[in-house]
């Protein structure tokens, strides 16, 4: 039980205009989470609500009362930032800096960023453009929030689907101590990494990048076979990775202090699975009827 109490496990939660971070914390608590991840606004556009300091202070108090360490909470950057596209680099740099500033105002330590897609210009140029963009951001942003480059599935012209590409990016960043890595299990599987032999994956990661760079892990099963380069998340234990390999990653001794975030799909498109998935993970026992259990749970709540 001691290890379970220390497990940093949570999910993606909402951040609304009115209650902001308070709503995020309350949702995380309702799932029995010990951490969480959120966007500071819609991931598909630039519309942002001004940060309400009163709600932030209230949220910090709520986190402390419920044993959630704000230093383990994760923010995700919006998808519309693409630092690999030179034609849109100025926008990407400007908006990423704004997001980092918002993270600082919220007291958040980590911002996960998709490295970007080279949109037909080739990986070499895409990597060079990402380096340039991050350097420009960090030259003018002096807060404490660290950028975490996420491992990608390799869909389309995505960059960052293998550790060598991420290493290339990191080697060209002046302030590389302010940039880390976020692993995504679905993306790793779809990119071709065999997660049933996770110790070997970790060994390769450590040799190429260094385990000390890993600050967050997205825990997702995959709808696709290994090396498919498709990026379609599945609920824990219902995909091609499987429950036991994911459990080994979650409870791996070398990753015990790293926040694990669920980004698994809603059941029937409307019921969040996170409370039940977190319980299943903590119990270390796969529930074959999990999806049915979730539907019944929320239907019962709606009828109450």
C-alpha atoms as a PDB file:
ATOM      1  CA  UNK A   1       0.000   0.000   0.000  1.00  0.00           C
ATOM      2  CA  UNK A   2       2.899   2.360   0.651  1.00  0.00           C
ATOM      3  CA  UNK A   3       3.830   2.439  -3.040  1.00  0.00           C
ATOM      4  CA  UNK A   4       0.211   3.062  -4.018  1.00  0.00           C
ATOM      5  CA  UNK A   5       0.012   6.052  -1.680  1.00  0.00           C
ATOM      6  CA  UNK A   6       3.025   7.565  -3.408  1.00  0.00           C
ATOM      7  CA  UNK A   7       1.762   6.868  -6.930  1.00  0.00           C
ATOM      8  CA  UNK A   8       1.349  10.100  -8.907  1.00  0.00           C
ATOM      9  CA  UNK A   9      -1.598   9.208 -11.130  1.00  0.00           C
ATOM     10  CA  UNK A  10      -4.252  11.428 -12.677  1.00  0.00           C
ATOM     11  CA  UNK A  11      -5.865  12.391 -15.938  1.00  0.00           C
ATOM     12  CA  UNK A  12      -6.692  15.219 -18.262  1.00  0.00           C
ATOM     13  CA  UNK A  13      -9.288  17.479 -16.616  1.00  0.00           C
ATOM     14  CA  UNK A  14     -11.165  20.636 -17.603  1.00  0.00           C
ATOM     15  CA  UNK A  15     -10.173  24.257 -16.963  1.00  0.00           C
ATOM     16  CA  UNK A  16     -13.225  26.465 -17.385  1.00  0.00           C
ATOM     17  CA  UNK A  17     -13.607  30.218 -17.739  1.00  0.00           C
ATOM     18  CA  UNK A  18     -15.364  30.840 -14.433  1.00  0.00           C
ATOM     19  CA  UNK A  19     -13.719  28.602 -11.845  1.00  0.00           C
ATOM     20  CA  UNK A  20     -10.525  27.952 -13.813  1.00  0.00           C
ATOM     21  CA  UNK A  21      -7.988  25.909 -11.803  1.00  0.00           C
ATOM     22  CA  UNK A  22     -10.513  25.257  -9.010  1.00  0.00           C
ATOM     23  CA  UNK A  23     -12.653  23.286 -11.473  1.00  0.00           C
ATOM     24  CA  UNK A  24      -9.580  21.289 -12.539  1.00  0.00           C
ATOM     25  CA  UNK A  25      -8.677  20.390  -8.958  1.00  0.00           C
ATOM     26  CA  UNK A  26     -12.247  19.447  -8.018  1.00  0.00           C
ATOM     27  CA  UNK A  27     -12.536  17.160 -11.038  1.00  0.00           C
ATOM     28  CA  UNK A  28      -9.196  15.495 -10.232  1.00  0.00           C
ATOM     29  CA  UNK A  29     -10.285  14.933  -6.622  1.00  0.00           C
ATOM     30  CA  UNK A  30     -13.543  13.334  -7.824  1.00  0.00           C
ATOM     31  CA  UNK A  31     -11.460  10.744  -9.705  1.00  0.00           C
ATOM     32  CA  UNK A  32      -9.303   9.924  -6.676  1.00  0.00           C
ATOM     33  CA  UNK A  33      -6.297  11.372  -8.533  1.00  0.00           C
ATOM     34  CA  UNK A  34      -3.031  12.510  -6.965  1.00  0.00           C
ATOM     35  CA  UNK A  35      -2.145  14.763  -9.912  1.00  0.00           C
ATOM     36  CA  UNK A  36      -3.752  15.986 -13.147  1.00  0.00           C
ATOM     37  CA  UNK A  37      -3.202  17.710 -16.493  1.00  0.00           C
ATOM     38  CA  UNK A  38      -5.103  20.566 -18.133  1.00  0.00           C
ATOM     39  CA  UNK A  39      -5.088  23.086 -20.980  1.00  0.00           C
ATOM     40  CA  UNK A  40      -5.277  26.767 -20.006  1.00  0.00           C
ATOM     41  CA  UNK A  41      -7.777  27.262 -22.856  1.00  0.00           C
ATOM     42  CA  UNK A  42      -9.115  25.449 -25.906  1.00  0.00           C
ATOM     43  CA  UNK A  43      -6.274  23.452 -27.541  1.00  0.00           C
ATOM     44  CA  UNK A  44      -7.511  24.270 -31.062  1.00  0.00           C
ATOM     45  CA  UNK A  45      -7.603  28.090 -30.881  1.00  0.00           C
ATOM     46  CA  UNK A  46      -6.030  31.187 -29.319  1.00  0.00           C
ATOM     47  CA  UNK A  47      -9.021  32.271 -27.212  1.00  0.00           C
ATOM     48  CA  UNK A  48      -7.891  32.647 -23.617  1.00  0.00           C
ATOM     49  CA  UNK A  49      -9.544  33.953 -20.448  1.00  0.00           C
ATOM     50  CA  UNK A  50      -7.451  36.165 -18.175  1.00  0.00           C
ATOM     51  CA  UNK A  51      -6.048  34.216 -15.230  1.00  0.00           C
ATOM     52  CA  UNK A  52      -8.054  34.865 -12.048  1.00  0.00           C
ATOM     53  CA  UNK A  53      -5.567  35.020  -9.167  1.00  0.00           C
ATOM     54  CA  UNK A  54      -8.337  34.523  -6.607  1.00  0.00           C
ATOM     55  CA  UNK A  55      -9.322  31.200  -8.188  1.00  0.00           C
ATOM     56  CA  UNK A  56      -5.671  30.172  -8.409  1.00  0.00           C
ATOM     57  CA  UNK A  57      -5.087  30.823  -4.695  1.00  0.00           C
ATOM     58  CA  UNK A  58      -8.297  28.941  -3.879  1.00  0.00           C
ATOM     59  CA  UNK A  59      -7.152  26.016  -6.062  1.00  0.00           C
ATOM     60  CA  UNK A  60      -3.731  25.901  -4.379  1.00  0.00           C
ATOM     61  CA  UNK A  61      -5.411  25.645  -0.973  1.00  0.00           C
ATOM     62  CA  UNK A  62      -7.676  22.867  -2.262  1.00  0.00           C
ATOM     63  CA  UNK A  63      -4.693  20.953  -3.655  1.00  0.00           C
ATOM     64  CA  UNK A  64      -2.821  21.206  -0.379  1.00  0.00           C
ATOM     65  CA  UNK A  65      -5.848  20.013   1.598  1.00  0.00           C
ATOM     66  CA  UNK A  66      -6.169  16.975  -0.669  1.00  0.00           C
ATOM     67  CA  UNK A  67      -2.516  15.992  -0.906  1.00  0.00           C
ATOM     68  CA  UNK A  68      -1.953  17.111  -4.506  1.00  0.00           C
ATOM     69  CA  UNK A  69       1.523  18.538  -5.086  1.00  0.00           C
ATOM     70  CA  UNK A  70       1.314  21.477  -7.496  1.00  0.00           C
ATOM     71  CA  UNK A  71       4.849  20.646  -8.692  1.00  0.00           C
ATOM     72  CA  UNK A  72       3.506  17.362 -10.107  1.00  0.00           C
ATOM     73  CA  UNK A  73       0.632  18.984 -12.034  1.00  0.00           C
ATOM     74  CA  UNK A  74       1.006  19.180 -15.818  1.00  0.00           C
ATOM     75  CA  UNK A  75      -0.195  21.727 -18.380  1.00  0.00           C
ATOM     76  CA  UNK A  76      -0.519  20.776 -22.055  1.00  0.00           C
ATOM     77  CA  UNK A  77       0.269  23.317 -24.763  1.00  0.00           C
ATOM     78  CA  UNK A  78      -2.365  23.857 -27.503  1.00  0.00           C
ATOM     79  CA  UNK A  79      -2.141  21.737 -30.643  1.00  0.00           C
ATOM     80  CA  UNK A  80      -2.051  24.784 -32.909  1.00  0.00           C
ATOM     81  CA  UNK A  81       1.544  25.523 -31.931  1.00  0.00           C
ATOM     82  CA  UNK A  82       3.793  23.983 -34.590  1.00  0.00           C
ATOM     83  CA  UNK A  83       7.402  25.034 -34.095  1.00  0.00           C
ATOM     84  CA  UNK A  84       8.555  22.757 -36.946  1.00  0.00           C
ATOM     85  CA  UNK A  85       6.806  24.899 -39.571  1.00  0.00           C
ATOM     86  CA  UNK A  86       9.065  27.827 -40.513  1.00  0.00           C
ATOM     87  CA  UNK A  87       6.172  29.609 -42.283  1.00  0.00           C
ATOM     88  CA  UNK A  88       4.290  29.911 -38.992  1.00  0.00           C
ATOM     89  CA  UNK A  89       7.193  30.106 -36.568  1.00  0.00           C
ATOM     90  CA  UNK A  90       6.582  33.656 -35.336  1.00  0.00           C
ATOM     91  CA  UNK A  91       3.061  32.749 -34.268  1.00  0.00           C
ATOM     92  CA  UNK A  92       4.248  29.546 -32.603  1.00  0.00           C
ATOM     93  CA  UNK A  93       6.980  31.336 -30.652  1.00  0.00           C
ATOM     94  CA  UNK A  94       4.641  34.133 -29.541  1.00  0.00           C
ATOM     95  CA  UNK A  95       1.807  31.826 -28.459  1.00  0.00           C
ATOM     96  CA  UNK A  96       4.117  29.365 -26.703  1.00  0.00           C
ATOM     97  CA  UNK A  97       5.625  32.212 -24.698  1.00  0.00           C
ATOM     98  CA  UNK A  98       2.113  33.374 -23.747  1.00  0.00           C
ATOM     99  CA  UNK A  99       1.252  29.842 -22.574  1.00  0.00           C
ATOM    100  CA  UNK A 100       4.425  29.671 -20.500  1.00  0.00           C
ATOM    101  CA  UNK A 101       3.579  33.016 -18.896  1.00  0.00           C
ATOM    102  CA  UNK A 102       0.106  31.681 -18.052  1.00  0.00           C
ATOM    103  CA  UNK A 103       1.714  28.588 -16.520  1.00  0.00           C
ATOM    104  CA  UNK A 104       3.883  30.843 -14.360  1.00  0.00           C
ATOM    105  CA  UNK A 105       0.833  32.783 -13.178  1.00  0.00           C
ATOM    106  CA  UNK A 106      -0.829  29.485 -12.263  1.00  0.00           C
ATOM    107  CA  UNK A 107       2.277  28.231 -10.463  1.00  0.00           C
ATOM    108  CA  UNK A 108       2.715  25.274 -12.805  1.00  0.00           C
ATOM    109  CA  UNK A 109       6.128  23.677 -13.322  1.00  0.00           C
ATOM    110  CA  UNK A 110       5.675  21.709 -16.579  1.00  0.00           C
ATOM    111  CA  UNK A 111       4.206  22.444 -20.027  1.00  0.00           C
ATOM    112  CA  UNK A 112       3.965  19.503 -22.452  1.00  0.00           C
ATOM    113  CA  UNK A 113       4.516  20.432 -26.104  1.00  0.00           C
ATOM    114  CA  UNK A 114       4.173  18.418 -29.309  1.00  0.00           C
ATOM    115  CA  UNK A 115       7.479  19.042 -31.139  1.00  0.00           C
ATOM    116  CA  UNK A 116       5.652  19.750 -34.412  1.00  0.00           C
ATOM    117  CA  UNK A 117       5.238  18.593 -38.012  1.00  0.00           C
ATOM    118  CA  UNK A 118       7.591  19.625 -40.801  1.00  0.00           C
ATOM    119  CA  UNK A 119       4.668  19.828 -43.305  1.00  0.00           C
ATOM    120  CA  UNK A 120       6.678  18.481 -46.234  1.00  0.00           C
ATOM    121  CA  UNK A 121       9.875  20.445 -45.632  1.00  0.00           C
ATOM    122  CA  UNK A 122      11.823  17.449 -44.316  1.00  0.00           C
ATOM    123  CA  UNK A 123      12.872  16.345 -40.832  1.00  0.00           C
ATOM    124  CA  UNK A 124      16.252  18.068 -40.919  1.00  0.00           C
ATOM    125  CA  UNK A 125      14.720  21.475 -41.509  1.00  0.00           C
ATOM    126  CA  UNK A 126      11.859  20.729 -39.094  1.00  0.00           C
ATOM    127  CA  UNK A 127      14.267  19.883 -36.279  1.00  0.00           C
ATOM    128  CA  UNK A 128      16.340  23.002 -36.983  1.00  0.00           C
ATOM    129  CA  UNK A 129      13.182  25.130 -36.901  1.00  0.00           C
ATOM    130  CA  UNK A 130      12.035  23.610 -33.588  1.00  0.00           C
ATOM    131  CA  UNK A 131      15.433  24.362 -32.071  1.00  0.00           C
ATOM    132  CA  UNK A 132      15.266  27.937 -33.330  1.00  0.00           C
ATOM    133  CA  UNK A 133      11.746  28.416 -31.987  1.00  0.00           C
ATOM    134  CA  UNK A 134      12.457  27.056 -28.520  1.00  0.00           C
ATOM    135  CA  UNK A 135      15.648  29.121 -28.287  1.00  0.00           C
ATOM    136  CA  UNK A 136      13.709  32.262 -29.191  1.00  0.00           C
ATOM    137  CA  UNK A 137      11.095  31.477 -26.540  1.00  0.00           C
ATOM    138  CA  UNK A 138      13.606  30.767 -23.769  1.00  0.00           C
ATOM    139  CA  UNK A 139      15.655  33.868 -24.556  1.00  0.00           C
ATOM    140  CA  UNK A 140      12.707  36.030 -23.530  1.00  0.00           C
ATOM    141  CA  UNK A 141      10.756  33.831 -21.099  1.00  0.00           C
ATOM    142  CA  UNK A 142      12.408  33.847 -17.674  1.00  0.00           C
ATOM    143  CA  UNK A 143       9.839  31.969 -15.595  1.00  0.00           C
ATOM    144  CA  UNK A 144      10.229  28.583 -13.921  1.00  0.00           C
ATOM    145  CA  UNK A 145       8.003  26.476 -16.190  1.00  0.00           C
ATOM    146  CA  UNK A 146       9.849  23.770 -18.111  1.00  0.00           C
ATOM    147  CA  UNK A 147       8.926  22.728 -21.662  1.00  0.00           C
ATOM    148  CA  UNK A 148       8.441  18.964 -22.041  1.00  0.00           C
ATOM    149  CA  UNK A 149       8.739  17.624 -25.593  1.00  0.00           C
ATOM    150  CA  UNK A 150       6.295  14.759 -26.086  1.00  0.00           C
ATOM    151  CA  UNK A 151       7.207  11.525 -27.844  1.00  0.00           C
ATOM    152  CA  UNK A 152       5.038  11.243 -30.967  1.00  0.00           C
ATOM    153  CA  UNK A 153       3.535   8.365 -32.973  1.00  0.00           C
ATOM    154  CA  UNK A 154       5.100   9.457 -36.286  1.00  0.00           C
ATOM    155  CA  UNK A 155       1.797  10.237 -37.980  1.00  0.00           C
ATOM    156  CA  UNK A 156       2.181  12.253 -41.181  1.00  0.00           C
ATOM    157  CA  UNK A 157       5.210  14.525 -40.930  1.00  0.00           C
ATOM    158  CA  UNK A 158       5.425  14.516 -37.120  1.00  0.00           C
ATOM    159  CA  UNK A 159       8.846  14.977 -35.576  1.00  0.00           C
ATOM    160  CA  UNK A 160       9.819  13.308 -32.317  1.00  0.00           C
ATOM    161  CA  UNK A 161       8.699   9.736 -32.935  1.00  0.00           C
ATOM    162  CA  UNK A 162      12.071   8.367 -31.845  1.00  0.00           C
ATOM    163  CA  UNK A 163      14.601   9.232 -29.160  1.00  0.00           C
ATOM    164  CA  UNK A 164      17.305  10.249 -31.641  1.00  0.00           C
ATOM    165  CA  UNK A 165      15.114  13.011 -33.098  1.00  0.00           C
ATOM    166  CA  UNK A 166      14.364  14.346 -29.631  1.00  0.00           C
ATOM    167  CA  UNK A 167      18.072  14.212 -28.800  1.00  0.00           C
ATOM    168  CA  UNK A 168      18.833  16.263 -31.930  1.00  0.00           C
ATOM    169  CA  UNK A 169      16.361  18.906 -30.803  1.00  0.00           C
ATOM    170  CA  UNK A 170      17.730  19.020 -27.255  1.00  0.00           C
ATOM    171  CA  UNK A 171      21.345  19.287 -28.428  1.00  0.00           C
ATOM    172  CA  UNK A 172      20.545  22.465 -30.326  1.00  0.00           C
ATOM    173  CA  UNK A 173      18.799  24.262 -27.445  1.00  0.00           C
ATOM    174  CA  UNK A 174      20.917  26.809 -25.603  1.00  0.00           C
ATOM    175  CA  UNK A 175      18.993  26.468 -22.342  1.00  0.00           C
ATOM    176  CA  UNK A 176      18.552  22.692 -22.588  1.00  0.00           C
ATOM    177  CA  UNK A 177      18.313  22.424 -18.783  1.00  0.00           C
ATOM    178  CA  UNK A 178      14.892  24.110 -19.155  1.00  0.00           C
ATOM    179  CA  UNK A 179      13.578  21.453 -21.559  1.00  0.00           C
ATOM    180  CA  UNK A 180      12.592  17.879 -20.687  1.00  0.00           C
ATOM    181  CA  UNK A 181      10.677  14.931 -22.149  1.00  0.00           C
ATOM    182  CA  UNK A 182       7.133  13.579 -21.804  1.00  0.00           C
ATOM    183  CA  UNK A 183       6.694   9.917 -22.752  1.00  0.00           C
ATOM    184  CA  UNK A 184       3.384   8.752 -24.226  1.00  0.00           C
ATOM    185  CA  UNK A 185       2.791   4.998 -24.161  1.00  0.00           C
ATOM    186  CA  UNK A 186       0.347   4.946 -27.099  1.00  0.00           C
ATOM    187  CA  UNK A 187       2.718   7.089 -29.159  1.00  0.00           C
ATOM    188  CA  UNK A 188       5.714   4.923 -28.251  1.00  0.00           C
ATOM    189  CA  UNK A 189       3.848   1.781 -29.304  1.00  0.00           C
ATOM    190  CA  UNK A 190       2.624   3.319 -32.551  1.00  0.00           C
ATOM    191  CA  UNK A 191       6.127   4.646 -33.260  1.00  0.00           C
ATOM    192  CA  UNK A 192       7.555   1.117 -33.052  1.00  0.00           C
ATOM    193  CA  UNK A 193       8.808   0.735 -29.457  1.00  0.00           C
ATOM    194  CA  UNK A 194       8.039  -2.655 -27.889  1.00  0.00           C
ATOM    195  CA  UNK A 195       6.534  -1.823 -24.494  1.00  0.00           C
ATOM    196  CA  UNK A 196       6.368  -5.509 -23.525  1.00  0.00           C
ATOM    197  CA  UNK A 197      10.152  -5.137 -23.222  1.00  0.00           C
ATOM    198  CA  UNK A 198      10.022  -1.802 -21.434  1.00  0.00           C
ATOM    199  CA  UNK A 199      13.328  -2.193 -19.609  1.00  0.00           C
ATOM    200  CA  UNK A 200      15.069  -2.263 -22.977  1.00  0.00           C
ATOM    201  CA  UNK A 201      13.136   0.848 -24.076  1.00  0.00           C
ATOM    202  CA  UNK A 202      14.212   2.620 -20.877  1.00  0.00           C
ATOM    203  CA  UNK A 203      17.815   1.527 -21.400  1.00  0.00           C
ATOM    204  CA  UNK A 204      17.789   2.967 -24.930  1.00  0.00           C
ATOM    205  CA  UNK A 205      16.167   6.167 -23.688  1.00  0.00           C
ATOM    206  CA  UNK A 206      18.754   6.535 -20.941  1.00  0.00           C
ATOM    207  CA  UNK A 207      21.649   6.004 -23.353  1.00  0.00           C
ATOM    208  CA  UNK A 208      20.340   8.482 -25.942  1.00  0.00           C
ATOM    209  CA  UNK A 209      18.680  11.202 -23.857  1.00  0.00           C
ATOM    210  CA  UNK A 210      18.980  10.355 -20.156  1.00  0.00           C
ATOM    211  CA  UNK A 211      16.228   9.266 -17.762  1.00  0.00           C
ATOM    212  CA  UNK A 212      16.668  12.481 -15.804  1.00  0.00           C
ATOM    213  CA  UNK A 213      15.012  14.314 -18.708  1.00  0.00           C
ATOM    214  CA  UNK A 214      11.712  12.422 -18.281  1.00  0.00           C
ATOM    215  CA  UNK A 215       9.316  14.555 -16.215  1.00  0.00           C
ATOM    216  CA  UNK A 216       5.891  13.205 -17.233  1.00  0.00           C
ATOM    217  CA  UNK A 217       4.332  10.062 -18.740  1.00  0.00           C
ATOM    218  CA  UNK A 218       1.033   9.901 -20.610  1.00  0.00           C
ATOM    219  CA  UNK A 219      -0.452   6.475 -19.901  1.00  0.00           C
ATOM    220  CA  UNK A 220      -2.632   5.295 -22.782  1.00  0.00           C
ATOM    221  CA  UNK A 221      -3.372   1.972 -24.412  1.00  0.00           C
ATOM    222  CA  UNK A 222      -3.431   1.918 -28.243  1.00  0.00           C
ATOM    223  CA  UNK A 223      -6.074   0.912 -30.755  1.00  0.00           C
ATOM    224  CA  UNK A 224      -3.308   0.102 -33.243  1.00  0.00           C
ATOM    225  CA  UNK A 225      -0.580  -2.460 -33.680  1.00  0.00           C
ATOM    226  CA  UNK A 226       3.025  -1.580 -32.899  1.00  0.00           C
ATOM    227  CA  UNK A 227       4.752   0.600 -35.529  1.00  0.00           C
ATOM    228  CA  UNK A 228       1.428   1.671 -37.100  1.00  0.00           C
ATOM    229  CA  UNK A 229       2.187   5.439 -36.819  1.00  0.00           C
ATOM    230  CA  UNK A 230      -1.525   6.196 -36.295  1.00  0.00           C
ATOM    231  CA  UNK A 231      -1.962   7.611 -32.742  1.00  0.00           C
ATOM    232  CA  UNK A 232      -5.377   6.396 -31.567  1.00  0.00           C
ATOM    233  CA  UNK A 233      -5.693   6.041 -27.803  1.00  0.00           C
ATOM    234  CA  UNK A 234      -7.590   3.199 -26.121  1.00  0.00           C
ATOM    235  CA  UNK A 235      -8.720   2.603 -22.549  1.00  0.00           C
ATOM    236  CA  UNK A 236      -6.270   0.890 -20.200  1.00  0.00           C
ATOM    237  CA  UNK A 237      -6.087  -2.843 -20.906  1.00  0.00           C
ATOM    238  CA  UNK A 238      -8.396  -2.769 -23.926  1.00  0.00           C
ATOM    239  CA  UNK A 239      -5.766  -2.074 -26.581  1.00  0.00           C
ATOM    240  CA  UNK A 240      -2.766  -3.702 -28.200  1.00  0.00           C
ATOM    241  CA  UNK A 241      -0.335  -2.780 -25.397  1.00  0.00           C
ATOM    242  CA  UNK A 242      -2.334  -4.466 -22.656  1.00  0.00           C
ATOM    243  CA  UNK A 243      -2.894  -4.004 -18.934  1.00  0.00           C
ATOM    244  CA  UNK A 244       0.166  -5.791 -17.529  1.00  0.00           C
ATOM    245  CA  UNK A 245       2.783  -3.979 -19.683  1.00  0.00           C
ATOM    246  CA  UNK A 246       1.166  -0.621 -18.813  1.00  0.00           C
ATOM    247  CA  UNK A 247       1.066  -1.544 -15.125  1.00  0.00           C
ATOM    248  CA  UNK A 248       4.791  -2.344 -15.228  1.00  0.00           C
ATOM    249  CA  UNK A 249       5.466   1.126 -16.664  1.00  0.00           C
ATOM    250  CA  UNK A 250       3.236   2.868 -14.106  1.00  0.00           C
ATOM    251  CA  UNK A 251       4.884   1.147 -11.119  1.00  0.00           C
ATOM    252  CA  UNK A 252       8.427   0.998 -12.514  1.00  0.00           C
ATOM    253  CA  UNK A 253      10.937   1.770  -9.770  1.00  0.00           C
ATOM    254  CA  UNK A 254      12.952   4.136 -11.983  1.00  0.00           C
ATOM    255  CA  UNK A 255       9.826   6.190 -12.757  1.00  0.00           C
ATOM    256  CA  UNK A 256       8.167   6.193  -9.336  1.00  0.00           C
ATOM    257  CA  UNK A 257       8.408   9.959  -8.778  1.00  0.00           C
ATOM    258  CA  UNK A 258       7.158  10.932 -12.251  1.00  0.00           C
ATOM    259  CA  UNK A 259       3.523  12.038 -12.771  1.00  0.00           C
ATOM    260  CA  UNK A 260       1.459   9.601 -14.865  1.00  0.00           C
ATOM    261  CA  UNK A 261      -1.452  11.107 -16.806  1.00  0.00           C
ATOM    262  CA  UNK A 262      -4.347   9.211 -18.407  1.00  0.00           C
ATOM    263  CA  UNK A 263      -5.599  10.539 -21.744  1.00  0.00           C
ATOM    264  CA  UNK A 264      -7.843   7.580 -22.500  1.00  0.00           C
ATOM    265  CA  UNK A 265     -11.113   8.081 -24.437  1.00  0.00           C
ATOM    266  CA  UNK A 266     -14.495   8.728 -22.850  1.00  0.00           C
ATOM    267  CA  UNK A 267     -16.803   5.695 -22.868  1.00  0.00           C
ATOM    268  CA  UNK A 268     -19.499   6.063 -25.557  1.00  0.00           C
ATOM    269  CA  UNK A 269     -18.081   9.530 -26.127  1.00  0.00           C
ATOM    270  CA  UNK A 270     -19.629  10.950 -22.940  1.00  0.00           C
ATOM    271  CA  UNK A 271     -18.511   9.130 -19.768  1.00  0.00           C
ATOM    272  CA  UNK A 272     -15.023   9.889 -18.377  1.00  0.00           C
ATOM    273  CA  UNK A 273     -13.268   6.621 -17.416  1.00  0.00           C
ATOM    274  CA  UNK A 274     -10.668   8.094 -15.098  1.00  0.00           C
ATOM    275  CA  UNK A 275     -12.101   7.324 -11.639  1.00  0.00           C
ATOM    276  CA  UNK A 276     -12.526   3.641 -12.520  1.00  0.00           C
ATOM    277  CA  UNK A 277      -9.233   3.382 -14.428  1.00  0.00           C
ATOM    278  CA  UNK A 278      -7.316   4.906 -11.513  1.00  0.00           C
ATOM    279  CA  UNK A 279      -8.979   2.471  -9.092  1.00  0.00           C
ATOM    280  CA  UNK A 280      -8.163  -0.449 -11.407  1.00  0.00           C
ATOM    281  CA  UNK A 281      -4.520   0.646 -11.632  1.00  0.00           C
ATOM    282  CA  UNK A 282      -4.230   1.049  -7.857  1.00  0.00           C
ATOM    283  CA  UNK A 283      -5.774  -2.404  -7.342  1.00  0.00           C
ATOM    284  CA  UNK A 284      -3.393  -3.808 -10.007  1.00  0.00           C
ATOM    285  CA  UNK A 285      -6.222  -5.959 -11.321  1.00  0.00           C
ATOM    286  CA  UNK A 286      -7.775  -5.705 -14.799  1.00  0.00           C
ATOM    287  CA  UNK A 287     -11.573  -5.338 -14.964  1.00  0.00           C
ATOM    288  CA  UNK A 288     -12.842  -6.925 -18.175  1.00  0.00           C
ATOM    289  CA  UNK A 289     -16.230  -5.251 -17.706  1.00  0.00           C
ATOM    290  CA  UNK A 290     -14.754  -1.835 -16.955  1.00  0.00           C
ATOM    291  CA  UNK A 291     -16.543  -0.007 -19.776  1.00  0.00           C
ATOM    292  CA  UNK A 292     -19.936  -1.406 -18.716  1.00  0.00           C
ATOM    293  CA  UNK A 293     -19.177  -0.525 -15.086  1.00  0.00           C
ATOM    294  CA  UNK A 294     -18.426   3.076 -16.079  1.00  0.00           C
ATOM    295  CA  UNK A 295     -21.660   3.457 -18.047  1.00  0.00           C
ATOM    296  CA  UNK A 296     -23.689   2.058 -15.115  1.00  0.00           C
ATOM    297  CA  UNK A 297     -21.888   4.331 -12.649  1.00  0.00           C
ATOM    298  CA  UNK A 298     -22.717   7.508 -14.565  1.00  0.00           C
ATOM    299  CA  UNK A 299     -26.254   6.428 -15.421  1.00  0.00           C
ATOM    300  CA  UNK A 300     -26.894   5.843 -11.727  1.00  0.00           C
ATOM    301  CA  UNK A 301     -25.528   9.297 -10.904  1.00  0.00           C
ATOM    302  CA  UNK A 302     -27.730  10.898 -13.564  1.00  0.00           C
ATOM    303  CA  UNK A 303     -30.824   9.181 -12.131  1.00  0.00           C
ATOM    304  CA  UNK A 304     -30.042  10.230  -8.554  1.00  0.00           C
END
